[in-house]
Amino acid sequence: MTTDSVPHPSSASDILTKLAEALDDLDSVVRSFESTDAKLASICTRVVTAVPGADAAGVTVLRDGAAVTAASTEAFVLAIDAAQYEHGEGPCIDAAVERTMVRADLARATTRWPAFVRAIDRVDVTSFLSAPITAGDDYIGALSLYGHHGHDFDTVDEEALRVYVHAAQSVLSADHRADQAERRTAGFAAAMESRAAIEQAKGALMVALGVSADKAFDLLLWRSQTTNVKVRDLAEQFVADLATLDTAPTTFADDLGNMLMTVHQRVIGP
């Protein structure tokens, strides 16, 4: 659905010059310590400046199964995006789902996305250009440009947009990797806490009942299977129960054994 209008040489030259100047600037944005959405907002601002005829830009990403506008340069972009999300059609939707560049003037947009165009009939936008963003399975979306009357996006504009899409993908990929690392760290910490509780419970059983480490774990596993309570939860509760003991050494083993047999009753369910 593209229209391959031939750009004026001066226009193409201007765009390519601005792109060359923008590369170092985009790299500094990607490497900054700003939030992901702040970086995307900076990229949107720069692409509007670099592409003639682009009056606004926005980034749509799919997060938790829903399309959201992560960054935009103008308030009317939010209205345009909301109409696309509501009707399930539009340039950024097609770019994100089909993973291809989408370019249209108002006439073509009316034919392809009639419900969307009707929904934005009061918004002064007549040209659309959207490029897909892919940066890990959790981040699929689009970087979109919108233009008012007097300019239709062309193939040079497409190439310019690709440069900024690459920067946006770098930002989202870094954010994706950071989220994954944080989840792995949290999971590792939780696993270490669970292992510590199990080891403490095993140690108490070994001392009190005079059994080996393997036998102590077998006892915990046996209680887990017969009560349908996770070993981790049993061990954590068992260690907590140990702190409440205040008995003479001669009855410690009996009390410990009774505690093991009833520990599942004190585990709070999920």
Protein backbone atom coordinates (compact mmCIF):
# COMPACT_ATOMS: atom_id res chain seq x y z
CA MET A 1 0.00 0.00 0.00
CA THR A 2 2.87 2.33 -0.71
CA THR A 3 3.05 5.18 -3.17
CA ASP A 4 6.52 5.61 -4.57
CA SER A 5 6.62 9.32 -5.24
CA VAL A 6 10.03 10.54 -6.32
CA PRO A 7 11.52 12.99 -3.80
CA HIS A 8 13.13 16.22 -4.87
CA PRO A 9 16.96 15.85 -4.84
CA SER A 10 17.34 18.66 -2.37
CA SER A 11 14.79 17.03 -0.06
CA ALA A 12 16.57 13.67 -0.21
CA SER A 13 19.94 15.36 0.34
CA ASP A 14 18.65 17.27 3.34
CA ILE A 15 17.23 14.14 4.90
CA LEU A 16 20.41 12.12 4.41
CA THR A 17 22.51 14.95 5.85
CA LYS A 18 20.31 15.11 8.92
CA LEU A 19 20.48 11.34 9.28
CA ALA A 20 24.26 11.39 9.24
CA GLU A 21 24.26 14.06 11.93
CA ALA A 22 21.69 12.15 13.97
CA LEU A 23 23.57 8.85 14.26
CA ASP A 24 25.93 9.94 17.04
CA ASP A 25 23.10 11.72 18.81
CA LEU A 26 20.91 8.61 18.72
CA ASP A 27 23.76 6.54 20.13
CA SER A 28 23.97 8.89 23.13
CA VAL A 29 20.23 8.51 23.68
CA VAL A 30 20.43 4.72 23.65
CA ARG A 31 23.36 4.72 26.08
CA SER A 32 21.83 7.21 28.51
CA PHE A 33 20.50 6.28 31.95
CA GLU A 34 17.00 7.61 31.27
CA SER A 35 13.95 5.37 31.56
CA THR A 36 12.90 3.36 28.53
CA ASP A 37 9.91 5.58 27.78
CA ALA A 38 12.03 8.73 28.17
CA LYS A 39 14.51 7.39 25.62
CA LEU A 40 11.69 6.55 23.23
CA ALA A 41 10.31 10.08 23.66
CA SER A 42 13.73 11.49 22.73
CA ILE A 43 13.84 9.31 19.63
CA CYS A 44 10.34 10.49 18.62
CA THR A 45 11.38 14.12 18.98
CA ARG A 46 14.47 13.60 16.86
CA VAL A 47 12.71 11.74 14.05
CA VAL A 48 10.11 14.52 13.73
CA THR A 49 12.94 17.03 13.39
CA ALA A 50 14.80 14.93 10.84
CA VAL A 51 11.95 13.93 8.51
CA PRO A 52 10.33 16.76 6.51
CA GLY A 53 6.55 16.56 6.65
CA ALA A 54 6.52 14.67 9.93
CA ASP A 55 4.46 16.73 12.34
CA ALA A 56 4.28 14.14 15.10
CA ALA A 57 5.58 10.73 16.10
CA GLY A 58 4.60 7.99 18.48
CA VAL A 59 5.80 4.58 19.64
CA THR A 60 3.32 1.77 20.17
CA VAL A 61 4.47 -1.36 22.01
CA LEU A 62 2.70 -4.52 23.06
CA ARG A 63 3.02 -4.97 26.81
CA ASP A 64 1.27 -7.76 28.70
CA GLY A 65 -0.77 -8.53 25.61
CA ALA A 66 -2.11 -4.99 25.15
CA ALA A 67 -1.08 -2.18 22.80
CA VAL A 68 0.04 0.96 24.62
CA THR A 69 1.57 4.25 23.54
CA ALA A 70 5.00 4.34 25.16
CA ALA A 71 5.97 7.76 23.79
CA SER A 72 4.54 10.54 21.64
CA THR A 73 5.39 14.09 20.64
CA GLU A 74 1.88 15.55 20.41
CA ALA A 75 -1.39 15.06 22.27
CA PHE A 76 -3.27 14.20 19.09
CA VAL A 77 -1.08 11.12 18.65
CA LEU A 78 -2.73 9.65 21.74
CA ALA A 79 -6.14 10.16 20.13
CA ILE A 80 -4.95 8.54 16.90
CA ASP A 81 -3.47 5.59 18.77
CA ALA A 82 -6.56 5.16 20.95
CA ALA A 83 -8.70 4.93 17.80
CA GLN A 84 -6.39 2.27 16.37
CA TYR A 85 -6.44 0.23 19.57
CA GLU A 86 -10.22 0.48 19.84
CA HIS A 87 -10.95 -0.57 16.28
CA GLY A 88 -8.03 -2.96 15.89
CA GLU A 89 -6.88 -1.33 12.65
CA GLY A 90 -4.58 1.42 11.47
CA PRO A 91 -0.99 1.99 10.35
CA CYS A 92 0.76 1.18 13.62
CA ILE A 93 -1.41 -1.93 14.15
CA ASP A 94 -0.61 -3.28 10.68
CA ALA A 95 3.10 -2.43 10.99
CA ALA A 96 3.34 -4.20 14.36
CA VAL A 97 1.29 -7.27 13.42
CA GLU A 98 2.55 -7.73 9.85
CA ARG A 99 6.07 -6.53 10.71
CA THR A 100 6.35 -4.44 7.59
CA MET A 101 6.62 -0.76 6.68
CA VAL A 102 3.21 0.84 6.17
CA ARG A 103 2.74 4.11 4.26
CA ALA A 104 -0.51 5.77 3.23
CA ASP A 105 -2.13 9.04 2.34
CA LEU A 106 -5.64 9.85 3.56
CA ALA A 107 -7.37 8.32 0.52
CA ARG A 108 -5.61 5.00 0.91
CA ALA A 109 -6.10 5.06 4.67
CA THR A 110 -9.85 5.55 4.20
CA THR A 111 -10.01 2.48 1.97
CA ARG A 112 -7.87 0.26 4.17
CA TRP A 113 -8.96 1.36 7.66
CA PRO A 114 -12.42 2.93 7.32
CA ALA A 115 -13.42 2.62 10.99
CA PHE A 116 -10.13 4.13 12.14
CA VAL A 117 -10.33 7.06 9.71
CA ARG A 118 -13.91 7.81 10.71
CA ALA A 119 -12.84 7.84 14.36
CA ILE A 120 -10.15 10.49 13.71
CA ASP A 121 -12.13 12.66 11.27
CA ARG A 122 -11.59 15.71 13.48
CA VAL A 123 -7.82 15.20 13.67
CA ASP A 124 -5.87 17.06 11.00
CA VAL A 125 -3.74 14.16 9.75
CA THR A 126 -3.52 13.21 6.09
CA SER A 127 -0.38 11.06 5.84
CA PHE A 128 0.80 8.05 7.80
CA LEU A 129 4.10 6.17 8.00
CA SER A 130 4.70 3.30 10.43
CA ALA A 131 7.65 0.94 10.80
CA PRO A 132 7.68 -2.26 12.88
CA ILE A 133 9.75 -2.57 16.02
CA THR A 134 10.91 -6.03 17.10
CA ALA A 135 13.05 -6.41 20.20
CA GLY A 136 12.44 -9.73 21.87
CA ASP A 137 9.17 -11.60 22.21
CA ASP A 138 7.87 -9.18 24.86
CA TYR A 139 8.37 -6.09 22.74
CA ILE A 140 6.67 -5.90 19.36
CA GLY A 141 5.32 -2.59 18.20
CA ALA A 142 5.77 0.29 15.79
CA LEU A 143 7.30 3.74 15.42
CA SER A 144 4.84 5.94 13.54
CA LEU A 145 4.96 9.34 11.86
CA TYR A 146 1.94 11.51 11.14
CA GLY A 147 1.72 14.50 8.81
CA HIS A 148 -0.74 17.33 8.28
CA HIS A 149 -1.86 18.64 4.88
CA GLY A 150 0.73 19.38 2.23
CA HIS A 151 3.09 16.39 2.36
CA ASP A 152 2.85 12.68 1.59
CA PHE A 153 5.61 10.46 2.95
CA ASP A 154 7.88 8.85 0.35
CA THR A 155 10.62 6.22 0.09
CA VAL A 156 13.29 8.57 1.43
CA ASP A 157 11.16 9.16 4.50
CA GLU A 158 10.92 5.38 4.91
CA GLU A 159 14.69 5.01 4.92
CA ALA A 160 15.02 7.83 7.43
CA LEU A 161 12.48 6.17 9.70
CA ARG A 162 14.38 2.87 9.57
CA VAL A 163 17.37 4.54 11.24
CA TYR A 164 15.27 5.70 14.17
CA VAL A 165 13.51 2.34 14.41
CA HIS A 166 16.92 0.74 14.85
CA ALA A 167 17.58 3.06 17.78
CA ALA A 168 14.17 2.32 19.30
CA GLN A 169 14.80 -1.41 18.96
CA SER A 170 18.12 -1.01 20.76
CA VAL A 171 16.37 0.75 23.64
CA LEU A 172 13.64 -1.87 23.93
CA SER A 173 16.10 -4.75 23.59
CA ALA A 174 18.20 -3.35 26.43
CA ASP A 175 15.09 -2.90 28.54
CA HIS A 176 14.00 -6.46 27.72
CA ARG A 177 17.38 -7.87 28.76
CA ALA A 178 17.33 -5.84 31.97
CA ASP A 179 13.88 -7.19 32.86
CA GLN A 180 15.01 -10.73 32.20
CA ALA A 181 18.11 -10.27 34.33
CA GLU A 182 16.03 -8.82 37.16
CA ARG A 183 13.63 -11.77 37.04
CA ARG A 184 16.51 -14.24 37.05
CA THR A 185 18.11 -12.46 40.01
CA ALA A 186 14.84 -12.47 41.93
CA GLY A 187 14.32 -16.14 41.15
CA PHE A 188 17.87 -16.98 42.24
CA ALA A 189 17.44 -15.10 45.52
CA ALA A 190 14.16 -16.88 46.22
CA ALA A 191 15.78 -20.24 45.43
CA MET A 192 18.65 -19.50 47.82
CA GLU A 193 16.22 -18.56 50.60
CA SER A 194 14.27 -21.78 50.06
CA ARG A 195 17.43 -23.87 50.07
CA ALA A 196 18.60 -22.21 53.28
CA ALA A 197 15.35 -23.11 55.05
CA ILE A 198 15.53 -26.70 53.83
CA GLU A 199 19.15 -27.02 54.99
CA GLN A 200 18.25 -25.61 58.43
CA ALA A 201 15.35 -28.03 58.78
CA LYS A 202 17.56 -30.92 57.73
CA GLY A 203 20.22 -29.91 60.25
CA ALA A 204 17.73 -29.81 63.10
CA LEU A 205 16.40 -33.28 62.23
CA MET A 206 19.91 -34.67 61.90
CA VAL A 207 20.90 -33.46 65.38
CA ALA A 208 17.69 -34.34 67.16
CA LEU A 209 16.95 -37.68 65.52
CA GLY A 210 20.53 -38.79 64.84
CA VAL A 211 19.95 -39.35 61.12
CA SER A 212 21.99 -38.58 58.01
CA ALA A 213 21.44 -35.57 55.78
CA ASP A 214 19.82 -37.76 53.13
CA LYS A 215 17.51 -39.35 55.67
CA ALA A 216 16.55 -35.95 57.08
CA PHE A 217 15.62 -34.74 53.61
CA ASP A 218 13.71 -37.98 52.97
CA LEU A 219 11.65 -37.23 56.08
CA LEU A 220 10.82 -33.74 54.80
CA LEU A 221 10.00 -35.13 51.35
CA TRP A 222 7.80 -37.83 52.90
CA ARG A 223 5.78 -35.26 54.84
CA SER A 224 5.52 -33.12 51.72
CA GLN A 225 4.11 -35.96 49.66
CA THR A 226 1.68 -37.19 52.30
CA THR A 227 0.34 -33.71 53.12
CA ASN A 228 0.51 -32.21 49.61
CA VAL A 229 2.51 -29.24 50.89
CA LYS A 230 5.71 -28.08 49.16
CA VAL A 231 8.99 -29.10 50.80
CA ARG A 232 10.08 -25.45 50.81
CA ASP A 233 6.95 -24.33 52.66
CA LEU A 234 7.23 -27.19 55.15
CA ALA A 235 10.87 -26.39 55.81
CA GLU A 236 10.23 -22.67 56.31
CA GLN A 237 7.39 -23.35 58.73
CA PHE A 238 9.41 -26.04 60.52
CA VAL A 239 12.32 -23.62 61.06
CA ALA A 240 9.87 -21.00 62.35
CA ASP A 241 8.41 -23.58 64.76
CA LEU A 242 11.86 -24.40 66.09
CA ALA A 243 12.15 -20.90 67.48
CA THR A 244 9.10 -21.52 69.68
CA LEU A 245 10.52 -24.62 71.41
CA ASP A 246 11.27 -24.25 75.12
CA THR A 247 11.65 -27.80 76.42
CA ALA A 248 14.18 -29.89 78.32
CA PRO A 249 16.83 -31.67 76.23
CA THR A 250 15.39 -35.11 77.08
CA THR A 251 12.09 -34.32 75.40
CA PHE A 252 13.54 -32.38 72.48
CA ALA A 253 13.51 -35.32 70.07
CA ASP A 254 9.88 -36.14 70.92
CA ASP A 255 8.84 -32.54 70.49
CA LEU A 256 10.78 -32.25 67.24
CA GLY A 257 9.20 -35.40 65.87
CA ASN A 258 5.73 -34.21 66.80
CA MET A 259 6.46 -30.85 65.22
CA LEU A 260 7.47 -32.54 61.94
CA MET A 261 4.28 -34.59 61.89
CA THR A 262 2.07 -31.56 62.31
CA VAL A 263 4.01 -28.83 60.49
CA HIS A 264 1.78 -29.02 57.40
CA GLN A 265 -1.17 -27.85 59.50
CA ARG A 266 0.53 -24.55 60.16
CA VAL A 267 1.62 -23.81 56.60
CA ILE A 268 -0.43 -20.95 55.21
CA GLY A 269 -1.76 -21.86 51.78
CA PRO A 270 -0.96 -19.85 48.65
